[in-house]
Amino acid sequence: MKFLTEYRDADLVKLLLDKIEKTVTQPWAIMEVCGGQTHSLVKNGLLNLLPENVQMIHGPGCPVCVTPLNLIDKAIHLAQKSNVILCSFGDMLRVPGSKKSLLQVKAEGADIRILYSPLEAVELAIKNPDKEVIFFAVGFETTAPANALSVLLAYEKEVNNFSILTSHVLVPPAMEAVMNDPDSNIKAFLAAGHVCTIMGIEEYYPLVEKHKIPIVVTGFEPVDLLQGILMCIQQLEKGEYRLENQYSRVVKSEGNLRAKNAIEKVFKIEDREWRGIGNIQQSGFELRDKYHAHDANLKFDIKIDKVIECKDCIAGLILKGIKKPHQCSQFGSNCTPEKPLGAPMVSSEGACAAYYHFHQANNQLTSIS
């Protein structure tokens, strides 16, 4: 399949690994921002194959994982109302709130539905005028256009029983927060290709210049990732710092203008609380005033106090790249996908889930520090 099989080519992988081995002369810590990149690195055993001098740090690029605990509790509270149909992508259902998950609430009888698109939720609201249909809108910039279109559609058709519970987070502010962390030793970044497909790459130039750090936009296949790692190392070894686009077959400098226009029309940028990390300024999307009738946070005016995280879960340290999943004392014992303590163990982009599910690709667990 074009643009897929060739990026899984074993000979190309060997060639890139050989070039990385010959190029690297000292230890370098590189963060892959996106959880999809983390899963690919782990699933394909690439962490085993990289030279010891190349340490991959797993970043906060899992929007489900960073959704605040009190917002999950709010979704659970709404789902338990008799006149509510709560809709979500499947990832969110098993993420633990302070007491239970949406999946547990669904098992107790709440009308919770897994959908592939928020536009389906608008149609559901049209067909059920006696119900309040709420879509739990979680994601990075990648899913924001579809959520924006759902609001525009509901607004234009006057579907007043549709609203979204927004938990959109933005990648560049998270990278800024990681670089400002005094415990961080990251020397380069692999930026998330799917986010840049929507937003373009322009907003990464200031980060490169301010922090004097290489950023390479990459895809998610083994060849994508290894080529991105090689591009980072080539810069680092020369003492250079630039923004480069390895994923140019998909990512354009300006991004997707129609998608960005929809986002701009519906959302504004506000401060956002990140689960396990804390408040990051100007790091989230909220609905503009024009669309407040479709804002579940305002429509239902539910006050949920900030909840203390499980003391045994180190998800925050993992999301900031300070710890690896296997360094958690609860990993694989008291914390499993069946009984998770934190979101990274159940999300399809969570680092803990990647390490748990791909044991054979993770023989490095005892050797990576």
Protein backbone atom coordinates (compact mmCIF):
# COMPACT_ATOMS: atom_id res chain seq x y z
CA MET A 1 0.00 0.00 0.00
CA LYS A 2 1.50 3.33 -1.08
CA PHE A 3 2.90 5.43 1.79
CA LEU A 4 2.54 2.52 4.19
CA THR A 5 4.40 -0.66 3.31
CA GLU A 6 7.49 1.21 2.13
CA TYR A 7 7.66 2.92 5.52
CA ARG A 8 7.82 -0.48 7.17
CA ASP A 9 10.58 -1.77 4.91
CA ALA A 10 13.08 -3.85 6.93
CA ASP A 11 16.03 -2.90 4.72
CA LEU A 12 15.31 0.80 5.15
CA VAL A 13 15.02 0.28 8.90
CA LYS A 14 18.43 -1.42 8.99
CA LEU A 15 19.95 1.34 6.88
CA LEU A 16 18.62 4.08 9.14
CA LEU A 17 19.72 2.27 12.30
CA ASP A 18 23.20 1.92 10.83
CA LYS A 19 23.31 5.66 10.04
CA ILE A 20 22.14 6.52 13.56
CA GLU A 21 24.82 4.23 15.04
CA LYS A 22 27.53 5.88 12.95
CA THR A 23 26.32 9.44 13.64
CA VAL A 24 25.77 9.44 17.39
CA THR A 25 28.85 10.09 19.53
CA GLN A 26 27.31 11.03 22.89
CA PRO A 27 24.08 10.51 24.85
CA TRP A 28 21.01 12.34 23.54
CA ALA A 29 17.50 12.38 25.02
CA ILE A 30 14.77 12.85 22.41
CA MET A 31 11.09 13.17 23.26
CA GLU A 32 8.44 11.82 20.91
CA VAL A 33 5.46 13.99 21.75
CA CYS A 34 2.62 11.81 20.49
CA GLY A 35 1.32 8.65 22.12
CA GLY A 36 0.84 7.14 18.67
CA GLN A 37 4.57 7.53 18.08
CA THR A 38 5.25 5.90 21.45
CA HIS A 39 3.10 2.90 20.57
CA SER A 40 4.87 2.49 17.23
CA LEU A 41 8.31 2.65 18.84
CA VAL A 42 7.33 0.03 21.41
CA LYS A 43 5.22 -2.24 19.21
CA ASN A 44 7.86 -2.43 16.50
CA GLY A 45 10.70 -3.05 18.96
CA LEU A 46 12.58 0.06 17.86
CA LEU A 47 13.61 0.94 21.42
CA ASN A 48 15.59 -2.31 21.49
CA LEU A 49 17.34 -1.53 18.23
CA LEU A 50 18.47 2.05 18.87
CA PRO A 51 22.01 2.66 20.19
CA GLU A 52 22.32 3.00 23.98
CA ASN A 53 23.29 6.65 23.51
CA VAL A 54 19.83 7.43 22.10
CA GLN A 55 17.20 7.62 24.83
CA MET A 56 13.60 8.10 23.75
CA ILE A 57 11.46 10.00 26.24
CA HIS A 58 7.71 9.46 26.04
CA GLY A 59 5.77 12.71 26.03
CA PRO A 60 2.33 13.98 27.09
CA GLY A 61 0.80 13.37 23.66
CA CYS A 62 -2.21 11.36 24.84
CA PRO A 63 -5.27 13.63 25.12
CA VAL A 64 -7.31 10.98 26.92
CA CYS A 65 -4.52 10.61 29.48
CA VAL A 66 -4.38 14.33 30.28
CA THR A 67 -8.14 14.88 30.57
CA PRO A 68 -8.65 16.20 34.13
CA LEU A 69 -10.12 13.84 36.68
CA ASN A 70 -12.88 16.28 37.65
CA LEU A 71 -13.95 16.58 34.00
CA ILE A 72 -14.35 12.80 33.78
CA ASP A 73 -16.37 13.00 37.00
CA LYS A 74 -18.50 15.70 35.36
CA ALA A 75 -19.12 13.47 32.33
CA ILE A 76 -20.12 10.64 34.68
CA HIS A 77 -22.47 12.95 36.57
CA LEU A 78 -24.13 14.06 33.31
CA ALA A 79 -24.40 10.50 32.01
CA GLN A 80 -26.34 9.49 35.11
CA LYS A 81 -29.11 11.99 34.34
CA SER A 82 -32.23 10.29 33.03
CA ASN A 83 -32.67 12.66 30.07
CA VAL A 84 -29.05 12.54 28.84
CA ILE A 85 -27.39 10.52 26.09
CA LEU A 86 -23.64 10.85 26.57
CA CYS A 87 -21.50 10.13 23.51
CA SER A 88 -17.77 9.63 23.30
CA PHE A 89 -14.93 8.00 21.48
CA GLY A 90 -14.24 4.53 22.89
CA ASP A 91 -10.97 5.43 24.61
CA MET A 92 -12.67 7.56 27.24
CA LEU A 93 -15.00 4.89 28.60
CA ARG A 94 -12.43 2.91 30.57
CA VAL A 95 -10.45 5.85 31.94
CA PRO A 96 -10.96 5.94 35.72
CA GLY A 97 -12.61 8.91 37.35
CA SER A 98 -12.28 9.52 41.06
CA LYS A 99 -14.68 6.66 41.92
CA LYS A 100 -15.68 4.87 38.72
CA SER A 101 -15.37 4.99 34.94
CA LEU A 102 -17.90 5.78 32.23
CA LEU A 103 -17.88 2.10 31.31
CA GLN A 104 -18.97 1.18 34.83
CA VAL A 105 -21.71 3.80 34.71
CA LYS A 106 -22.84 2.44 31.34
CA ALA A 107 -23.04 -1.05 32.86
CA GLU A 108 -25.25 0.40 35.58
CA GLY A 109 -27.75 1.58 32.97
CA ALA A 110 -26.61 5.02 31.81
CA ASP A 111 -27.20 5.76 28.11
CA ILE A 112 -23.60 6.08 26.94
CA ARG A 113 -22.78 5.52 23.29
CA ILE A 114 -19.49 5.08 21.47
CA LEU A 115 -19.44 7.05 18.22
CA TYR A 116 -16.88 7.49 15.45
CA SER A 117 -17.77 11.13 14.79
CA PRO A 118 -19.38 13.98 16.73
CA LEU A 119 -21.54 14.61 13.65
CA GLU A 120 -23.29 11.34 14.50
CA ALA A 121 -24.17 12.85 17.86
CA VAL A 122 -25.88 15.80 16.18
CA GLU A 123 -28.02 13.39 14.14
CA LEU A 124 -28.77 11.49 17.35
CA ALA A 125 -29.97 14.72 18.95
CA ILE A 126 -32.24 15.43 15.98
CA LYS A 127 -33.78 11.97 16.28
CA ASN A 128 -34.20 12.29 20.07
CA PRO A 129 -35.59 15.79 20.71
CA ASP A 130 -36.69 14.82 24.23
CA LYS A 131 -33.10 13.97 25.23
CA GLU A 132 -30.00 16.07 25.89
CA VAL A 133 -27.23 14.66 23.71
CA ILE A 134 -23.73 15.49 24.94
CA PHE A 135 -20.54 14.66 23.08
CA PHE A 136 -17.42 14.35 25.25
CA ALA A 137 -15.05 16.26 22.97
CA VAL A 138 -11.55 15.09 23.86
CA GLY A 139 -8.47 15.42 21.72
CA PHE A 140 -5.59 17.46 20.40
CA GLU A 141 -5.89 19.80 17.43
CA THR A 142 -6.43 16.72 15.26
CA THR A 143 -10.02 16.10 16.38
CA ALA A 144 -10.94 19.77 16.83
CA PRO A 145 -12.21 20.33 13.24
CA ALA A 146 -14.83 17.56 13.49
CA ASN A 147 -15.98 18.85 16.87
CA ALA A 148 -16.13 22.37 15.47
CA LEU A 149 -18.23 21.18 12.53
CA SER A 150 -20.64 19.41 14.89
CA VAL A 151 -21.22 22.68 16.75
CA LEU A 152 -21.65 24.61 13.51
CA LEU A 153 -24.14 22.02 12.26
CA ALA A 154 -26.14 22.10 15.50
CA TYR A 155 -26.11 25.91 15.51
CA GLU A 156 -27.27 26.19 11.90
CA LYS A 157 -30.03 23.57 12.31
CA GLU A 158 -31.02 24.94 15.74
CA VAL A 159 -30.46 21.58 17.41
CA ASN A 160 -30.65 23.01 20.89
CA ASN A 161 -30.48 19.65 22.67
CA PHE A 162 -26.92 19.03 21.44
CA SER A 163 -23.82 20.18 23.33
CA ILE A 164 -20.18 19.24 23.73
CA LEU A 165 -18.19 18.76 26.92
CA THR A 166 -14.87 20.20 25.79
CA SER A 167 -11.48 18.87 26.79
CA HIS A 168 -9.32 19.95 23.86
CA VAL A 169 -5.60 20.38 24.50
CA LEU A 170 -2.88 21.91 22.33
CA VAL A 171 0.55 20.47 21.61
CA PRO A 172 2.94 23.48 21.39
CA PRO A 173 2.09 24.81 24.90
CA ALA A 174 2.65 21.32 26.29
CA MET A 175 6.08 21.18 24.64
CA GLU A 176 6.82 24.60 26.12
CA ALA A 177 5.83 23.35 29.58
CA VAL A 178 8.04 20.28 29.21
CA MET A 179 11.02 22.42 28.19
CA ASN A 180 10.45 24.77 31.12
CA ASP A 181 10.43 21.89 33.63
CA PRO A 182 13.68 22.03 35.64
CA ASP A 183 13.85 18.22 35.69
CA SER A 184 13.78 17.96 31.91
CA ASN A 185 16.91 16.84 30.05
CA ILE A 186 15.30 16.67 26.60
CA LYS A 187 17.55 17.79 23.77
CA ALA A 188 15.23 17.37 20.76
CA PHE A 189 11.60 16.64 19.87
CA LEU A 190 9.73 14.51 17.39
CA ALA A 191 6.57 16.55 16.78
CA ALA A 192 3.24 14.86 16.08
CA GLY A 193 2.58 14.52 12.36
CA HIS A 194 -1.21 14.26 12.58
CA VAL A 195 -1.48 17.48 14.60
CA CYS A 196 0.73 19.28 12.08
CA THR A 197 -1.43 17.93 9.25
CA ILE A 198 -4.19 20.14 10.64
CA MET A 199 -2.28 23.09 12.11
CA GLY A 200 0.86 23.23 9.96
CA ILE A 201 4.33 23.79 11.36
CA GLU A 202 4.63 27.56 11.71
CA GLU A 203 3.92 27.65 15.46
CA TYR A 204 6.97 25.46 16.18
CA TYR A 205 9.53 27.97 14.89
CA PRO A 206 9.33 30.16 18.03
CA LEU A 207 9.94 27.08 20.22
CA VAL A 208 13.05 26.17 18.23
CA GLU A 209 14.45 29.69 18.46
CA LYS A 210 13.58 30.28 22.11
CA HIS A 211 14.91 26.98 23.46
CA LYS A 212 17.65 26.36 20.85
CA ILE A 213 16.36 22.83 20.31
CA PRO A 214 15.77 20.71 17.18
CA ILE A 215 12.17 19.81 16.37
CA VAL A 216 11.42 17.30 13.62
CA VAL A 217 7.85 16.61 12.51
CA THR A 218 7.45 12.88 11.84
CA GLY A 219 4.91 10.26 10.91
CA PHE A 220 4.21 7.07 12.79
CA GLU A 221 5.70 4.19 10.83
CA PRO A 222 9.12 2.72 11.73
CA VAL A 223 10.94 4.42 8.84
CA ASP A 224 9.27 7.75 9.68
CA LEU A 225 10.38 7.59 13.28
CA LEU A 226 13.93 6.42 12.63
CA GLN A 227 14.42 9.04 9.94
CA GLY A 228 13.14 11.68 12.36
CA ILE A 229 15.48 10.44 15.08
CA LEU A 230 18.40 10.53 12.63
CA MET A 231 17.53 14.10 11.61
CA CYS A 232 17.49 15.14 15.28
CA ILE A 233 20.83 13.49 15.99
CA GLN A 234 22.47 15.01 12.92
CA GLN A 235 21.50 18.46 14.20
CA LEU A 236 22.51 17.74 17.78
CA GLU A 237 25.92 16.38 16.80
CA LYS A 238 26.60 19.54 14.77
CA GLY A 239 25.34 21.86 17.51
CA GLU A 240 22.49 23.02 15.27
CA TYR A 241 18.79 23.58 15.94
CA ARG A 242 16.16 23.78 13.22
CA LEU A 243 12.56 22.85 12.53
CA GLU A 244 12.43 20.07 9.93
CA ASN A 245 9.50 18.26 8.34
CA GLN A 246 10.16 14.55 7.80
CA TYR A 247 6.43 13.98 7.19
CA SER A 248 6.26 16.24 4.13
CA ARG A 249 4.22 13.70 2.17
CA VAL A 250 1.30 14.59 4.45
CA VAL A 251 2.18 17.76 6.39
CA LYS A 252 2.21 21.09 4.60
CA SER A 253 3.73 24.21 6.12
CA GLU A 254 0.37 25.99 6.32
CA GLY A 255 -1.61 22.93 7.43
CA ASN A 256 -5.22 22.36 6.42
CA LEU A 257 -6.66 25.84 5.93
CA ARG A 258 -10.32 24.75 5.84
CA ALA A 259 -9.91 22.77 9.07
CA LYS A 260 -8.11 25.67 10.75
CA ASN A 261 -10.86 28.04 9.64
CA ALA A 262 -13.51 25.83 11.27
CA ILE A 263 -11.50 25.69 14.49
CA GLU A 264 -10.99 29.46 14.51
CA LYS A 265 -14.69 30.08 13.91
CA VAL A 266 -15.89 27.92 16.80
CA PHE A 267 -13.11 27.86 19.40
CA LYS A 268 -11.00 30.32 21.35
CA ILE A 269 -7.78 29.51 23.24
CA GLU A 270 -7.85 29.41 27.04
CA ASP A 271 -5.80 28.03 29.93
CA ARG A 272 -6.29 24.30 30.48
CA GLU A 273 -5.76 21.88 33.35
CA TRP A 274 -3.81 18.76 32.31
CA ARG A 275 -4.28 15.63 34.39
CA GLY A 276 -1.08 14.76 36.22
CA ILE A 277 0.68 17.89 34.97
CA GLY A 278 -1.28 20.90 36.17
CA ASN A 279 -2.43 24.12 34.56
CA ILE A 280 -0.79 25.08 31.27
CA GLN A 281 -1.49 28.59 30.04
CA GLN A 282 -3.21 29.03 26.66
CA SER A 283 -3.21 25.28 26.06
CA GLY A 284 -6.85 24.43 25.37
CA PHE A 285 -9.82 25.18 23.15
CA GLU A 286 -13.10 26.49 24.59
CA LEU A 287 -16.25 27.41 22.68
CA ARG A 288 -16.69 31.03 21.68
CA ASP A 289 -19.54 33.03 23.25
CA LYS A 290 -21.66 32.69 20.11
CA TYR A 291 -21.93 28.94 20.71
CA HIS A 292 -22.48 28.89 24.47
CA ALA A 293 -25.86 27.21 23.97
CA HIS A 294 -23.89 24.14 22.85
CA ASP A 295 -21.34 24.27 25.68
CA ALA A 296 -22.18 21.50 28.18
CA ASN A 297 -19.92 23.09 30.80
CA LEU A 298 -22.14 26.18 30.82
CA LYS A 299 -25.46 24.62 29.89
CA PHE A 300 -25.55 22.30 32.89
CA ASP A 301 -23.49 24.44 35.27
CA ILE A 302 -22.16 21.49 37.25
CA LYS A 303 -19.54 22.23 39.87
CA ILE A 304 -17.18 19.33 40.48
CA ASP A 305 -14.40 19.99 42.96
CA LYS A 306 -10.84 19.24 41.94
CA VAL A 307 -10.08 15.67 42.96
CA ILE A 308 -6.81 14.40 44.40
CA GLU A 309 -5.11 11.87 42.12
CA CYS A 310 -4.42 8.32 43.25
CA LYS A 311 -1.26 8.54 45.37
CA ASP A 312 0.11 5.28 43.94
CA CYS A 313 -0.13 6.44 40.30
CA ILE A 314 2.84 8.28 38.77
CA ALA A 315 1.04 9.12 35.51
CA GLY A 316 2.08 12.77 35.79
CA LEU A 317 5.77 11.87 35.91
CA ILE A 318 5.30 9.53 32.96
CA LEU A 319 3.44 12.14 30.90
CA LYS A 320 6.22 14.67 31.53
CA GLY A 321 8.85 12.13 30.48
CA ILE A 322 10.52 12.02 33.89
CA LYS A 323 9.68 8.36 34.52
CA LYS A 324 9.06 5.32 32.31
CA PRO A 325 6.02 3.05 32.86
CA HIS A 326 8.08 0.15 34.20
CA GLN A 327 9.52 2.44 36.88
CA CYS A 328 6.12 2.62 38.56
CA SER A 329 5.84 0.20 41.48
CA GLN A 330 2.22 -0.52 40.52
CA PHE A 331 2.90 -1.32 36.85
CA GLY A 332 1.57 -4.73 35.80
CA SER A 333 0.53 -5.66 39.32
CA ASN A 334 -1.93 -3.27 40.93
CA CYS A 335 -2.28 -1.32 37.69
CA THR A 336 -3.35 -3.25 34.58
CA PRO A 337 -5.69 -2.48 31.64
CA GLU A 338 -8.40 -4.43 33.46
CA LYS A 339 -7.92 -2.46 36.70
CA PRO A 340 -6.11 0.78 35.82
CA LEU A 341 -4.99 3.33 38.36
CA GLY A 342 -4.44 5.96 35.68
CA ALA A 343 -5.39 6.82 32.12
CA PRO A 344 -2.04 5.92 30.46
CA MET A 345 -2.76 2.24 31.19
CA VAL A 346 -6.03 2.15 29.21
CA SER A 347 -5.77 4.74 26.44
CA SER A 348 -4.76 3.48 23.01
CA GLU A 349 -2.11 6.21 23.06
CA GLY A 350 -1.03 5.73 26.67
CA ALA A 351 2.62 4.85 27.32
CA CYS A 352 1.75 2.39 30.10
CA ALA A 353 -0.63 0.51 27.81
CA ALA A 354 2.07 0.32 25.15
CA TYR A 355 4.57 -1.17 27.57
CA TYR A 356 2.02 -3.57 29.01
CA HIS A 357 0.69 -4.96 25.73
CA PHE A 358 3.99 -5.36 23.90
CA HIS A 359 6.14 -7.25 26.40
CA GLN A 360 8.28 -8.98 23.77
CA ALA A 361 9.15 -5.64 22.22
CA ASN A 362 10.22 -4.35 25.60
CA ASN A 363 13.13 -6.47 26.75
CA GLN A 364 14.81 -3.13 27.35
CA LEU A 365 12.66 -2.53 30.44
CA THR A 366 15.42 -3.70 32.75
CA SER A 367 18.09 -1.63 31.05
CA ILE A 368 16.50 1.73 30.24
CA SER A 369 16.91 4.25 33.01
